Amino acid sequence: CQNGNFCDGEETCKAYPTNLGVQF
């Protein structure tokens, strides 16, 4: 969750996977 700049207070988290399919 770091964008490489520890001074700007911004984070770039990886997006939630979208192709997980349906699982019972």
PDBML (XML) file of the C-alpha atoms, coordinates in Angstrom:
<?xml version="1.0" encoding="UTF-8" ?>
<PDBx:datablock datablockName="MODEL"
   xmlns:PDBx="http://pdbml.pdb.org/schema/pdbx-v50.xsd"
   xmlns:xsi="http://www.w3.org/2001/XMLSchema-instance"
   xsi:schemaLocation="http://pdbml.pdb.org/schema/pdbx-v50.xsd pdbx-v50.xsd">
   <PDBx:atom_siteCategory>
      <PDBx:atom_site id="1">
         <PDBx:B_iso_or_equiv>0.00</PDBx:B_iso_or_equiv>
         <PDBx:Cartn_x>0.000</PDBx:Cartn_x>
         <PDBx:Cartn_y>0.000</PDBx:Cartn_y>
         <PDBx:Cartn_z>0.000</PDBx:Cartn_z>
         <PDBx:auth_asym_id>A</PDBx:auth_asym_id>
         <PDBx:auth_atom_id>CA</PDBx:auth_atom_id>
         <PDBx:auth_comp_id>CYS</PDBx:auth_comp_id>
         <PDBx:auth_seq_id>1</PDBx:auth_seq_id>
         <PDBx:group_PDB>ATOM</PDBx:group_PDB>
         <PDBx:label_alt_id xsi:nil="true" />
         <PDBx:label_asym_id>A</PDBx:label_asym_id>
         <PDBx:label_atom_id>CA</PDBx:label_atom_id>
         <PDBx:label_comp_id>CYS</PDBx:label_comp_id>
         <PDBx:label_entity_id>1</PDBx:label_entity_id>
         <PDBx:label_seq_id>1</PDBx:label_seq_id>
         <PDBx:occupancy>1.00</PDBx:occupancy>
         <PDBx:pdbx_PDB_model_num>1</PDBx:pdbx_PDB_model_num>
         <PDBx:type_symbol>C</PDBx:type_symbol>
      </PDBx:atom_site>
      <PDBx:atom_site id="2">
         <PDBx:B_iso_or_equiv>0.00</PDBx:B_iso_or_equiv>
         <PDBx:Cartn_x>2.918</PDBx:Cartn_x>
         <PDBx:Cartn_y>2.371</PDBx:Cartn_y>
         <PDBx:Cartn_z>-0.542</PDBx:Cartn_z>
         <PDBx:auth_asym_id>A</PDBx:auth_asym_id>
         <PDBx:auth_atom_id>CA</PDBx:auth_atom_id>
         <PDBx:auth_comp_id>GLN</PDBx:auth_comp_id>
         <PDBx:auth_seq_id>2</PDBx:auth_seq_id>
         <PDBx:group_PDB>ATOM</PDBx:group_PDB>
         <PDBx:label_alt_id xsi:nil="true" />
         <PDBx:label_asym_id>A</PDBx:label_asym_id>
         <PDBx:label_atom_id>CA</PDBx:label_atom_id>
         <PDBx:label_comp_id>GLN</PDBx:label_comp_id>
         <PDBx:label_entity_id>1</PDBx:label_entity_id>
         <PDBx:label_seq_id>2</PDBx:label_seq_id>
         <PDBx:occupancy>1.00</PDBx:occupancy>
         <PDBx:pdbx_PDB_model_num>1</PDBx:pdbx_PDB_model_num>
         <PDBx:type_symbol>C</PDBx:type_symbol>
      </PDBx:atom_site>
      <PDBx:atom_site id="3">
         <PDBx:B_iso_or_equiv>0.00</PDBx:B_iso_or_equiv>
         <PDBx:Cartn_x>3.446</PDBx:Cartn_x>
         <PDBx:Cartn_y>4.470</PDBx:Cartn_y>
         <PDBx:Cartn_z>-3.614</PDBx:Cartn_z>
         <PDBx:auth_asym_id>A</PDBx:auth_asym_id>
         <PDBx:auth_atom_id>CA</PDBx:auth_atom_id>
         <PDBx:auth_comp_id>ASN</PDBx:auth_comp_id>
         <PDBx:auth_seq_id>3</PDBx:auth_seq_id>
         <PDBx:group_PDB>ATOM</PDBx:group_PDB>
         <PDBx:label_alt_id xsi:nil="true" />
         <PDBx:label_asym_id>A</PDBx:label_asym_id>
         <PDBx:label_atom_id>CA</PDBx:label_atom_id>
         <PDBx:label_comp_id>ASN</PDBx:label_comp_id>
         <PDBx:label_entity_id>1</PDBx:label_entity_id>
         <PDBx:label_seq_id>3</PDBx:label_seq_id>
         <PDBx:occupancy>1.00</PDBx:occupancy>
         <PDBx:pdbx_PDB_model_num>1</PDBx:pdbx_PDB_model_num>
         <PDBx:type_symbol>C</PDBx:type_symbol>
      </PDBx:atom_site>
      <PDBx:atom_site id="4">
         <PDBx:B_iso_or_equiv>0.00</PDBx:B_iso_or_equiv>
         <PDBx:Cartn_x>7.130</PDBx:Cartn_x>
         <PDBx:Cartn_y>4.950</PDBx:Cartn_y>
         <PDBx:Cartn_z>-2.933</PDBx:Cartn_z>
         <PDBx:auth_asym_id>A</PDBx:auth_asym_id>
         <PDBx:auth_atom_id>CA</PDBx:auth_atom_id>
         <PDBx:auth_comp_id>GLY</PDBx:auth_comp_id>
         <PDBx:auth_seq_id>4</PDBx:auth_seq_id>
         <PDBx:group_PDB>ATOM</PDBx:group_PDB>
         <PDBx:label_alt_id xsi:nil="true" />
         <PDBx:label_asym_id>A</PDBx:label_asym_id>
         <PDBx:label_atom_id>CA</PDBx:label_atom_id>
         <PDBx:label_comp_id>GLY</PDBx:label_comp_id>
         <PDBx:label_entity_id>1</PDBx:label_entity_id>
         <PDBx:label_seq_id>4</PDBx:label_seq_id>
         <PDBx:occupancy>1.00</PDBx:occupancy>
         <PDBx:pdbx_PDB_model_num>1</PDBx:pdbx_PDB_model_num>
         <PDBx:type_symbol>C</PDBx:type_symbol>
      </PDBx:atom_site>
      <PDBx:atom_site id="5">
         <PDBx:B_iso_or_equiv>0.00</PDBx:B_iso_or_equiv>
         <PDBx:Cartn_x>6.767</PDBx:Cartn_x>
         <PDBx:Cartn_y>8.463</PDBx:Cartn_y>
         <PDBx:Cartn_z>-1.511</PDBx:Cartn_z>
         <PDBx:auth_asym_id>A</PDBx:auth_asym_id>
         <PDBx:auth_atom_id>CA</PDBx:auth_atom_id>
         <PDBx:auth_comp_id>ASN</PDBx:auth_comp_id>
         <PDBx:auth_seq_id>5</PDBx:auth_seq_id>
         <PDBx:group_PDB>ATOM</PDBx:group_PDB>
         <PDBx:label_alt_id xsi:nil="true" />
         <PDBx:label_asym_id>A</PDBx:label_asym_id>
         <PDBx:label_atom_id>CA</PDBx:label_atom_id>
         <PDBx:label_comp_id>ASN</PDBx:label_comp_id>
         <PDBx:label_entity_id>1</PDBx:label_entity_id>
         <PDBx:label_seq_id>5</PDBx:label_seq_id>
         <PDBx:occupancy>1.00</PDBx:occupancy>
         <PDBx:pdbx_PDB_model_num>1</PDBx:pdbx_PDB_model_num>
         <PDBx:type_symbol>C</PDBx:type_symbol>
      </PDBx:atom_site>
      <PDBx:atom_site id="6">
         <PDBx:B_iso_or_equiv>0.00</PDBx:B_iso_or_equiv>
         <PDBx:Cartn_x>6.505</PDBx:Cartn_x>
         <PDBx:Cartn_y>8.391</PDBx:Cartn_y>
         <PDBx:Cartn_z>2.280</PDBx:Cartn_z>
         <PDBx:auth_asym_id>A</PDBx:auth_asym_id>
         <PDBx:auth_atom_id>CA</PDBx:auth_atom_id>
         <PDBx:auth_comp_id>PHE</PDBx:auth_comp_id>
         <PDBx:auth_seq_id>6</PDBx:auth_seq_id>
         <PDBx:group_PDB>ATOM</PDBx:group_PDB>
         <PDBx:label_alt_id xsi:nil="true" />
         <PDBx:label_asym_id>A</PDBx:label_asym_id>
         <PDBx:label_atom_id>CA</PDBx:label_atom_id>
         <PDBx:label_comp_id>PHE</PDBx:label_comp_id>
         <PDBx:label_entity_id>1</PDBx:label_entity_id>
         <PDBx:label_seq_id>6</PDBx:label_seq_id>
         <PDBx:occupancy>1.00</PDBx:occupancy>
         <PDBx:pdbx_PDB_model_num>1</PDBx:pdbx_PDB_model_num>
         <PDBx:type_symbol>C</PDBx:type_symbol>
      </PDBx:atom_site>
      <PDBx:atom_site id="7">
         <PDBx:B_iso_or_equiv>0.00</PDBx:B_iso_or_equiv>
         <PDBx:Cartn_x>5.962</PDBx:Cartn_x>
         <PDBx:Cartn_y>12.156</PDBx:Cartn_y>
         <PDBx:Cartn_z>2.509</PDBx:Cartn_z>
         <PDBx:auth_asym_id>A</PDBx:auth_asym_id>
         <PDBx:auth_atom_id>CA</PDBx:auth_atom_id>
         <PDBx:auth_comp_id>CYS</PDBx:auth_comp_id>
         <PDBx:auth_seq_id>7</PDBx:auth_seq_id>
         <PDBx:group_PDB>ATOM</PDBx:group_PDB>
         <PDBx:label_alt_id xsi:nil="true" />
         <PDBx:label_asym_id>A</PDBx:label_asym_id>
         <PDBx:label_atom_id>CA</PDBx:label_atom_id>
         <PDBx:label_comp_id>CYS</PDBx:label_comp_id>
         <PDBx:label_entity_id>1</PDBx:label_entity_id>
         <PDBx:label_seq_id>7</PDBx:label_seq_id>
         <PDBx:occupancy>1.00</PDBx:occupancy>
         <PDBx:pdbx_PDB_model_num>1</PDBx:pdbx_PDB_model_num>
         <PDBx:type_symbol>C</PDBx:type_symbol>
      </PDBx:atom_site>
      <PDBx:atom_site id="8">
         <PDBx:B_iso_or_equiv>0.00</PDBx:B_iso_or_equiv>
         <PDBx:Cartn_x>2.792</PDBx:Cartn_x>
         <PDBx:Cartn_y>12.686</PDBx:Cartn_y>
         <PDBx:Cartn_z>0.520</PDBx:Cartn_z>
         <PDBx:auth_asym_id>A</PDBx:auth_asym_id>
         <PDBx:auth_atom_id>CA</PDBx:auth_atom_id>
         <PDBx:auth_comp_id>ASP</PDBx:auth_comp_id>
         <PDBx:auth_seq_id>8</PDBx:auth_seq_id>
         <PDBx:group_PDB>ATOM</PDBx:group_PDB>
         <PDBx:label_alt_id xsi:nil="true" />
         <PDBx:label_asym_id>A</PDBx:label_asym_id>
         <PDBx:label_atom_id>CA</PDBx:label_atom_id>
         <PDBx:label_comp_id>ASP</PDBx:label_comp_id>
         <PDBx:label_entity_id>1</PDBx:label_entity_id>
         <PDBx:label_seq_id>8</PDBx:label_seq_id>
         <PDBx:occupancy>1.00</PDBx:occupancy>
         <PDBx:pdbx_PDB_model_num>1</PDBx:pdbx_PDB_model_num>
         <PDBx:type_symbol>C</PDBx:type_symbol>
      </PDBx:atom_site>
      <PDBx:atom_site id="9">
         <PDBx:B_iso_or_equiv>0.00</PDBx:B_iso_or_equiv>
         <PDBx:Cartn_x>0.443</PDBx:Cartn_x>
         <PDBx:Cartn_y>10.549</PDBx:Cartn_y>
         <PDBx:Cartn_z>2.629</PDBx:Cartn_z>
         <PDBx:auth_asym_id>A</PDBx:auth_asym_id>
         <PDBx:auth_atom_id>CA</PDBx:auth_atom_id>
         <PDBx:auth_comp_id>GLY</PDBx:auth_comp_id>
         <PDBx:auth_seq_id>9</PDBx:auth_seq_id>
         <PDBx:group_PDB>ATOM</PDBx:group_PDB>
         <PDBx:label_alt_id xsi:nil="true" />
         <PDBx:label_asym_id>A</PDBx:label_asym_id>
         <PDBx:label_atom_id>CA</PDBx:label_atom_id>
         <PDBx:label_comp_id>GLY</PDBx:label_comp_id>
         <PDBx:label_entity_id>1</PDBx:label_entity_id>
         <PDBx:label_seq_id>9</PDBx:label_seq_id>
         <PDBx:occupancy>1.00</PDBx:occupancy>
         <PDBx:pdbx_PDB_model_num>1</PDBx:pdbx_PDB_model_num>
         <PDBx:type_symbol>C</PDBx:type_symbol>
      </PDBx:atom_site>
      <PDBx:atom_site id="10">
         <PDBx:B_iso_or_equiv>0.00</PDBx:B_iso_or_equiv>
         <PDBx:Cartn_x>-0.923</PDBx:Cartn_x>
         <PDBx:Cartn_y>8.785</PDBx:Cartn_y>
         <PDBx:Cartn_z>-0.436</PDBx:Cartn_z>
         <PDBx:auth_asym_id>A</PDBx:auth_asym_id>
         <PDBx:auth_atom_id>CA</PDBx:auth_atom_id>
         <PDBx:auth_comp_id>GLU</PDBx:auth_comp_id>
         <PDBx:auth_seq_id>10</PDBx:auth_seq_id>
         <PDBx:group_PDB>ATOM</PDBx:group_PDB>
         <PDBx:label_alt_id xsi:nil="true" />
         <PDBx:label_asym_id>A</PDBx:label_asym_id>
         <PDBx:label_atom_id>CA</PDBx:label_atom_id>
         <PDBx:label_comp_id>GLU</PDBx:label_comp_id>
         <PDBx:label_entity_id>1</PDBx:label_entity_id>
         <PDBx:label_seq_id>10</PDBx:label_seq_id>
         <PDBx:occupancy>1.00</PDBx:occupancy>
         <PDBx:pdbx_PDB_model_num>1</PDBx:pdbx_PDB_model_num>
         <PDBx:type_symbol>C</PDBx:type_symbol>
      </PDBx:atom_site>
      <PDBx:atom_site id="11">
         <PDBx:B_iso_or_equiv>0.00</PDBx:B_iso_or_equiv>
         <PDBx:Cartn_x>-1.237</PDBx:Cartn_x>
         <PDBx:Cartn_y>5.068</PDBx:Cartn_y>
         <PDBx:Cartn_z>-0.911</PDBx:Cartn_z>
         <PDBx:auth_asym_id>A</PDBx:auth_asym_id>
         <PDBx:auth_atom_id>CA</PDBx:auth_atom_id>
         <PDBx:auth_comp_id>GLU</PDBx:auth_comp_id>
         <PDBx:auth_seq_id>11</PDBx:auth_seq_id>
         <PDBx:group_PDB>ATOM</PDBx:group_PDB>
         <PDBx:label_alt_id xsi:nil="true" />
         <PDBx:label_asym_id>A</PDBx:label_asym_id>
         <PDBx:label_atom_id>CA</PDBx:label_atom_id>
         <PDBx:label_comp_id>GLU</PDBx:label_comp_id>
         <PDBx:label_entity_id>1</PDBx:label_entity_id>
         <PDBx:label_seq_id>11</PDBx:label_seq_id>
         <PDBx:occupancy>1.00</PDBx:occupancy>
         <PDBx:pdbx_PDB_model_num>1</PDBx:pdbx_PDB_model_num>
         <PDBx:type_symbol>C</PDBx:type_symbol>
      </PDBx:atom_site>
      <PDBx:atom_site id="12">
         <PDBx:B_iso_or_equiv>0.00</PDBx:B_iso_or_equiv>
         <PDBx:Cartn_x>-1.788</PDBx:Cartn_x>
         <PDBx:Cartn_y>2.954</PDBx:Cartn_y>
         <PDBx:Cartn_z>-3.976</PDBx:Cartn_z>
         <PDBx:auth_asym_id>A</PDBx:auth_asym_id>
         <PDBx:auth_atom_id>CA</PDBx:auth_atom_id>
         <PDBx:auth_comp_id>THR</PDBx:auth_comp_id>
         <PDBx:auth_seq_id>12</PDBx:auth_seq_id>
         <PDBx:group_PDB>ATOM</PDBx:group_PDB>
         <PDBx:label_alt_id xsi:nil="true" />
         <PDBx:label_asym_id>A</PDBx:label_asym_id>
         <PDBx:label_atom_id>CA</PDBx:label_atom_id>
         <PDBx:label_comp_id>THR</PDBx:label_comp_id>
         <PDBx:label_entity_id>1</PDBx:label_entity_id>
         <PDBx:label_seq_id>12</PDBx:label_seq_id>
         <PDBx:occupancy>1.00</PDBx:occupancy>
         <PDBx:pdbx_PDB_model_num>1</PDBx:pdbx_PDB_model_num>
         <PDBx:type_symbol>C</PDBx:type_symbol>
      </PDBx:atom_site>
      <PDBx:atom_site id="13">
         <PDBx:B_iso_or_equiv>0.00</PDBx:B_iso_or_equiv>
         <PDBx:Cartn_x>-3.295</PDBx:Cartn_x>
         <PDBx:Cartn_y>-0.361</PDBx:Cartn_y>
         <PDBx:Cartn_z>-2.923</PDBx:Cartn_z>
         <PDBx:auth_asym_id>A</PDBx:auth_asym_id>
         <PDBx:auth_atom_id>CA</PDBx:auth_atom_id>
         <PDBx:auth_comp_id>CYS</PDBx:auth_comp_id>
         <PDBx:auth_seq_id>13</PDBx:auth_seq_id>
         <PDBx:group_PDB>ATOM</PDBx:group_PDB>
         <PDBx:label_alt_id xsi:nil="true" />
         <PDBx:label_asym_id>A</PDBx:label_asym_id>
         <PDBx:label_atom_id>CA</PDBx:label_atom_id>
         <PDBx:label_comp_id>CYS</PDBx:label_comp_id>
         <PDBx:label_entity_id>1</PDBx:label_entity_id>
         <PDBx:label_seq_id>13</PDBx:label_seq_id>
         <PDBx:occupancy>1.00</PDBx:occupancy>
         <PDBx:pdbx_PDB_model_num>1</PDBx:pdbx_PDB_model_num>
         <PDBx:type_symbol>C</PDBx:type_symbol>
      </PDBx:atom_site>
      <PDBx:atom_site id="14">
         <PDBx:B_iso_or_equiv>0.00</PDBx:B_iso_or_equiv>
         <PDBx:Cartn_x>-3.656</PDBx:Cartn_x>
         <PDBx:Cartn_y>-3.247</PDBx:Cartn_y>
         <PDBx:Cartn_z>-5.321</PDBx:Cartn_z>
         <PDBx:auth_asym_id>A</PDBx:auth_asym_id>
         <PDBx:auth_atom_id>CA</PDBx:auth_atom_id>
         <PDBx:auth_comp_id>LYS</PDBx:auth_comp_id>
         <PDBx:auth_seq_id>14</PDBx:auth_seq_id>
         <PDBx:group_PDB>ATOM</PDBx:group_PDB>
         <PDBx:label_alt_id xsi:nil="true" />
         <PDBx:label_asym_id>A</PDBx:label_asym_id>
         <PDBx:label_atom_id>CA</PDBx:label_atom_id>
         <PDBx:label_comp_id>LYS</PDBx:label_comp_id>
         <PDBx:label_entity_id>1</PDBx:label_entity_id>
         <PDBx:label_seq_id>14</PDBx:label_seq_id>
         <PDBx:occupancy>1.00</PDBx:occupancy>
         <PDBx:pdbx_PDB_model_num>1</PDBx:pdbx_PDB_model_num>
         <PDBx:type_symbol>C</PDBx:type_symbol>
      </PDBx:atom_site>
      <PDBx:atom_site id="15">
         <PDBx:B_iso_or_equiv>0.00</PDBx:B_iso_or_equiv>
         <PDBx:Cartn_x>-7.182</PDBx:Cartn_x>
         <PDBx:Cartn_y>-3.587</PDBx:Cartn_y>
         <PDBx:Cartn_z>-6.695</PDBx:Cartn_z>
         <PDBx:auth_asym_id>A</PDBx:auth_asym_id>
         <PDBx:auth_atom_id>CA</PDBx:auth_atom_id>
         <PDBx:auth_comp_id>ALA</PDBx:auth_comp_id>
         <PDBx:auth_seq_id>15</PDBx:auth_seq_id>
         <PDBx:group_PDB>ATOM</PDBx:group_PDB>
         <PDBx:label_alt_id xsi:nil="true" />
         <PDBx:label_asym_id>A</PDBx:label_asym_id>
         <PDBx:label_atom_id>CA</PDBx:label_atom_id>
         <PDBx:label_comp_id>ALA</PDBx:label_comp_id>
         <PDBx:label_entity_id>1</PDBx:label_entity_id>
         <PDBx:label_seq_id>15</PDBx:label_seq_id>
         <PDBx:occupancy>1.00</PDBx:occupancy>
         <PDBx:pdbx_PDB_model_num>1</PDBx:pdbx_PDB_model_num>
         <PDBx:type_symbol>C</PDBx:type_symbol>
      </PDBx:atom_site>
      <PDBx:atom_site id="16">
         <PDBx:B_iso_or_equiv>0.00</PDBx:B_iso_or_equiv>
         <PDBx:Cartn_x>-9.517</PDBx:Cartn_x>
         <PDBx:Cartn_y>-6.389</PDBx:Cartn_y>
         <PDBx:Cartn_z>-5.615</PDBx:Cartn_z>
         <PDBx:auth_asym_id>A</PDBx:auth_asym_id>
         <PDBx:auth_atom_id>CA</PDBx:auth_atom_id>
         <PDBx:auth_comp_id>TYR</PDBx:auth_comp_id>
         <PDBx:auth_seq_id>16</PDBx:auth_seq_id>
         <PDBx:group_PDB>ATOM</PDBx:group_PDB>
         <PDBx:label_alt_id xsi:nil="true" />
         <PDBx:label_asym_id>A</PDBx:label_asym_id>
         <PDBx:label_atom_id>CA</PDBx:label_atom_id>
         <PDBx:label_comp_id>TYR</PDBx:label_comp_id>
         <PDBx:label_entity_id>1</PDBx:label_entity_id>
         <PDBx:label_seq_id>16</PDBx:label_seq_id>
         <PDBx:occupancy>1.00</PDBx:occupancy>
         <PDBx:pdbx_PDB_model_num>1</PDBx:pdbx_PDB_model_num>
         <PDBx:type_symbol>C</PDBx:type_symbol>
      </PDBx:atom_site>
      <PDBx:atom_site id="17">
         <PDBx:B_iso_or_equiv>0.00</PDBx:B_iso_or_equiv>
         <PDBx:Cartn_x>-9.303</PDBx:Cartn_x>
         <PDBx:Cartn_y>-9.390</PDBx:Cartn_y>
         <PDBx:Cartn_z>-7.990</PDBx:Cartn_z>
         <PDBx:auth_asym_id>A</PDBx:auth_asym_id>
         <PDBx:auth_atom_id>CA</PDBx:auth_atom_id>
         <PDBx:auth_comp_id>PRO</PDBx:auth_comp_id>
         <PDBx:auth_seq_id>17</PDBx:auth_seq_id>
         <PDBx:group_PDB>ATOM</PDBx:group_PDB>
         <PDBx:label_alt_id xsi:nil="true" />
         <PDBx:label_asym_id>A</PDBx:label_asym_id>
         <PDBx:label_atom_id>CA</PDBx:label_atom_id>
         <PDBx:label_comp_id>PRO</PDBx:label_comp_id>
         <PDBx:label_entity_id>1</PDBx:label_entity_id>
         <PDBx:label_seq_id>17</PDBx:label_seq_id>
         <PDBx:occupancy>1.00</PDBx:occupancy>
         <PDBx:pdbx_PDB_model_num>1</PDBx:pdbx_PDB_model_num>
         <PDBx:type_symbol>C</PDBx:type_symbol>
      </PDBx:atom_site>
      <PDBx:atom_site id="18">
         <PDBx:B_iso_or_equiv>0.00</PDBx:B_iso_or_equiv>
         <PDBx:Cartn_x>-12.206</PDBx:Cartn_x>
         <PDBx:Cartn_y>-9.438</PDBx:Cartn_y>
         <PDBx:Cartn_z>-10.442</PDBx:Cartn_z>
         <PDBx:auth_asym_id>A</PDBx:auth_asym_id>
         <PDBx:auth_atom_id>CA</PDBx:auth_atom_id>
         <PDBx:auth_comp_id>THR</PDBx:auth_comp_id>
         <PDBx:auth_seq_id>18</PDBx:auth_seq_id>
         <PDBx:group_PDB>ATOM</PDBx:group_PDB>
         <PDBx:label_alt_id xsi:nil="true" />
         <PDBx:label_asym_id>A</PDBx:label_asym_id>
         <PDBx:label_atom_id>CA</PDBx:label_atom_id>
         <PDBx:label_comp_id>THR</PDBx:label_comp_id>
         <PDBx:label_entity_id>1</PDBx:label_entity_id>
         <PDBx:label_seq_id>18</PDBx:label_seq_id>
         <PDBx:occupancy>1.00</PDBx:occupancy>
         <PDBx:pdbx_PDB_model_num>1</PDBx:pdbx_PDB_model_num>
         <PDBx:type_symbol>C</PDBx:type_symbol>
      </PDBx:atom_site>
      <PDBx:atom_site id="19">
         <PDBx:B_iso_or_equiv>0.00</PDBx:B_iso_or_equiv>
         <PDBx:Cartn_x>-11.949</PDBx:Cartn_x>
         <PDBx:Cartn_y>-12.937</PDBx:Cartn_y>
         <PDBx:Cartn_z>-11.950</PDBx:Cartn_z>
         <PDBx:auth_asym_id>A</PDBx:auth_asym_id>
         <PDBx:auth_atom_id>CA</PDBx:auth_atom_id>
         <PDBx:auth_comp_id>ASN</PDBx:auth_comp_id>
         <PDBx:auth_seq_id>19</PDBx:auth_seq_id>
         <PDBx:group_PDB>ATOM</PDBx:group_PDB>
         <PDBx:label_alt_id xsi:nil="true" />
         <PDBx:label_asym_id>A</PDBx:label_asym_id>
         <PDBx:label_atom_id>CA</PDBx:label_atom_id>
         <PDBx:label_comp_id>ASN</PDBx:label_comp_id>
         <PDBx:label_entity_id>1</PDBx:label_entity_id>
         <PDBx:label_seq_id>19</PDBx:label_seq_id>
         <PDBx:occupancy>1.00</PDBx:occupancy>
         <PDBx:pdbx_PDB_model_num>1</PDBx:pdbx_PDB_model_num>
         <PDBx:type_symbol>C</PDBx:type_symbol>
      </PDBx:atom_site>
      <PDBx:atom_site id="20">
         <PDBx:B_iso_or_equiv>0.00</PDBx:B_iso_or_equiv>
         <PDBx:Cartn_x>-12.340</PDBx:Cartn_x>
         <PDBx:Cartn_y>-15.133</PDBx:Cartn_y>
         <PDBx:Cartn_z>-8.881</PDBx:Cartn_z>
         <PDBx:auth_asym_id>A</PDBx:auth_asym_id>
         <PDBx:auth_atom_id>CA</PDBx:auth_atom_id>
         <PDBx:auth_comp_id>LEU</PDBx:auth_comp_id>
         <PDBx:auth_seq_id>20</PDBx:auth_seq_id>
         <PDBx:group_PDB>ATOM</PDBx:group_PDB>
         <PDBx:label_alt_id xsi:nil="true" />
         <PDBx:label_asym_id>A</PDBx:label_asym_id>
         <PDBx:label_atom_id>CA</PDBx:label_atom_id>
         <PDBx:label_comp_id>LEU</PDBx:label_comp_id>
         <PDBx:label_entity_id>1</PDBx:label_entity_id>
         <PDBx:label_seq_id>20</PDBx:label_seq_id>
         <PDBx:occupancy>1.00</PDBx:occupancy>
         <PDBx:pdbx_PDB_model_num>1</PDBx:pdbx_PDB_model_num>
         <PDBx:type_symbol>C</PDBx:type_symbol>
      </PDBx:atom_site>
      <PDBx:atom_site id="21">
         <PDBx:B_iso_or_equiv>0.00</PDBx:B_iso_or_equiv>
         <PDBx:Cartn_x>-15.421</PDBx:Cartn_x>
         <PDBx:Cartn_y>-16.935</PDBx:Cartn_y>
         <PDBx:Cartn_z>-10.206</PDBx:Cartn_z>
         <PDBx:auth_asym_id>A</PDBx:auth_asym_id>
         <PDBx:auth_atom_id>CA</PDBx:auth_atom_id>
         <PDBx:auth_comp_id>GLY</PDBx:auth_comp_id>
         <PDBx:auth_seq_id>21</PDBx:auth_seq_id>
         <PDBx:group_PDB>ATOM</PDBx:group_PDB>
         <PDBx:label_alt_id xsi:nil="true" />
         <PDBx:label_asym_id>A</PDBx:label_asym_id>
         <PDBx:label_atom_id>CA</PDBx:label_atom_id>
         <PDBx:label_comp_id>GLY</PDBx:label_comp_id>
         <PDBx:label_entity_id>1</PDBx:label_entity_id>
         <PDBx:label_seq_id>21</PDBx:label_seq_id>
         <PDBx:occupancy>1.00</PDBx:occupancy>
         <PDBx:pdbx_PDB_model_num>1</PDBx:pdbx_PDB_model_num>
         <PDBx:type_symbol>C</PDBx:type_symbol>
      </PDBx:atom_site>
      <PDBx:atom_site id="22">
         <PDBx:B_iso_or_equiv>0.00</PDBx:B_iso_or_equiv>
         <PDBx:Cartn_x>-18.249</PDBx:Cartn_x>
         <PDBx:Cartn_y>-18.315</PDBx:Cartn_y>
         <PDBx:Cartn_z>-8.108</PDBx:Cartn_z>
         <PDBx:auth_asym_id>A</PDBx:auth_asym_id>
         <PDBx:auth_atom_id>CA</PDBx:auth_atom_id>
         <PDBx:auth_comp_id>VAL</PDBx:auth_comp_id>
         <PDBx:auth_seq_id>22</PDBx:auth_seq_id>
         <PDBx:group_PDB>ATOM</PDBx:group_PDB>
         <PDBx:label_alt_id xsi:nil="true" />
         <PDBx:label_asym_id>A</PDBx:label_asym_id>
         <PDBx:label_atom_id>CA</PDBx:label_atom_id>
         <PDBx:label_comp_id>VAL</PDBx:label_comp_id>
         <PDBx:label_entity_id>1</PDBx:label_entity_id>
         <PDBx:label_seq_id>22</PDBx:label_seq_id>
         <PDBx:occupancy>1.00</PDBx:occupancy>
         <PDBx:pdbx_PDB_model_num>1</PDBx:pdbx_PDB_model_num>
         <PDBx:type_symbol>C</PDBx:type_symbol>
      </PDBx:atom_site>
      <PDBx:atom_site id="23">
         <PDBx:B_iso_or_equiv>0.00</PDBx:B_iso_or_equiv>
         <PDBx:Cartn_x>-17.369</PDBx:Cartn_x>
         <PDBx:Cartn_y>-20.826</PDBx:Cartn_y>
         <PDBx:Cartn_z>-5.401</PDBx:Cartn_z>
         <PDBx:auth_asym_id>A</PDBx:auth_asym_id>
         <PDBx:auth_atom_id>CA</PDBx:auth_atom_id>
         <PDBx:auth_comp_id>GLN</PDBx:auth_comp_id>
         <PDBx:auth_seq_id>23</PDBx:auth_seq_id>
         <PDBx:group_PDB>ATOM</PDBx:group_PDB>
         <PDBx:label_alt_id xsi:nil="true" />
         <PDBx:label_asym_id>A</PDBx:label_asym_id>
         <PDBx:label_atom_id>CA</PDBx:label_atom_id>
         <PDBx:label_comp_id>GLN</PDBx:label_comp_id>
         <PDBx:label_entity_id>1</PDBx:label_entity_id>
         <PDBx:label_seq_id>23</PDBx:label_seq_id>
         <PDBx:occupancy>1.00</PDBx:occupancy>
         <PDBx:pdbx_PDB_model_num>1</PDBx:pdbx_PDB_model_num>
         <PDBx:type_symbol>C</PDBx:type_symbol>
      </PDBx:atom_site>
      <PDBx:atom_site id="24">
         <PDBx:B_iso_or_equiv>0.00</PDBx:B_iso_or_equiv>
         <PDBx:Cartn_x>-19.724</PDBx:Cartn_x>
         <PDBx:Cartn_y>-22.626</PDBx:Cartn_y>
         <PDBx:Cartn_z>-2.989</PDBx:Cartn_z>
         <PDBx:auth_asym_id>A</PDBx:auth_asym_id>
         <PDBx:auth_atom_id>CA</PDBx:auth_atom_id>
         <PDBx:auth_comp_id>PHE</PDBx:auth_comp_id>
         <PDBx:auth_seq_id>24</PDBx:auth_seq_id>
         <PDBx:group_PDB>ATOM</PDBx:group_PDB>
         <PDBx:label_alt_id xsi:nil="true" />
         <PDBx:label_asym_id>A</PDBx:label_asym_id>
         <PDBx:label_atom_id>CA</PDBx:label_atom_id>
         <PDBx:label_comp_id>PHE</PDBx:label_comp_id>
         <PDBx:label_entity_id>1</PDBx:label_entity_id>
         <PDBx:label_seq_id>24</PDBx:label_seq_id>
         <PDBx:occupancy>1.00</PDBx:occupancy>
         <PDBx:pdbx_PDB_model_num>1</PDBx:pdbx_PDB_model_num>
         <PDBx:type_symbol>C</PDBx:type_symbol>
      </PDBx:atom_site>
   </PDBx:atom_siteCategory>
</PDBx:datablock>
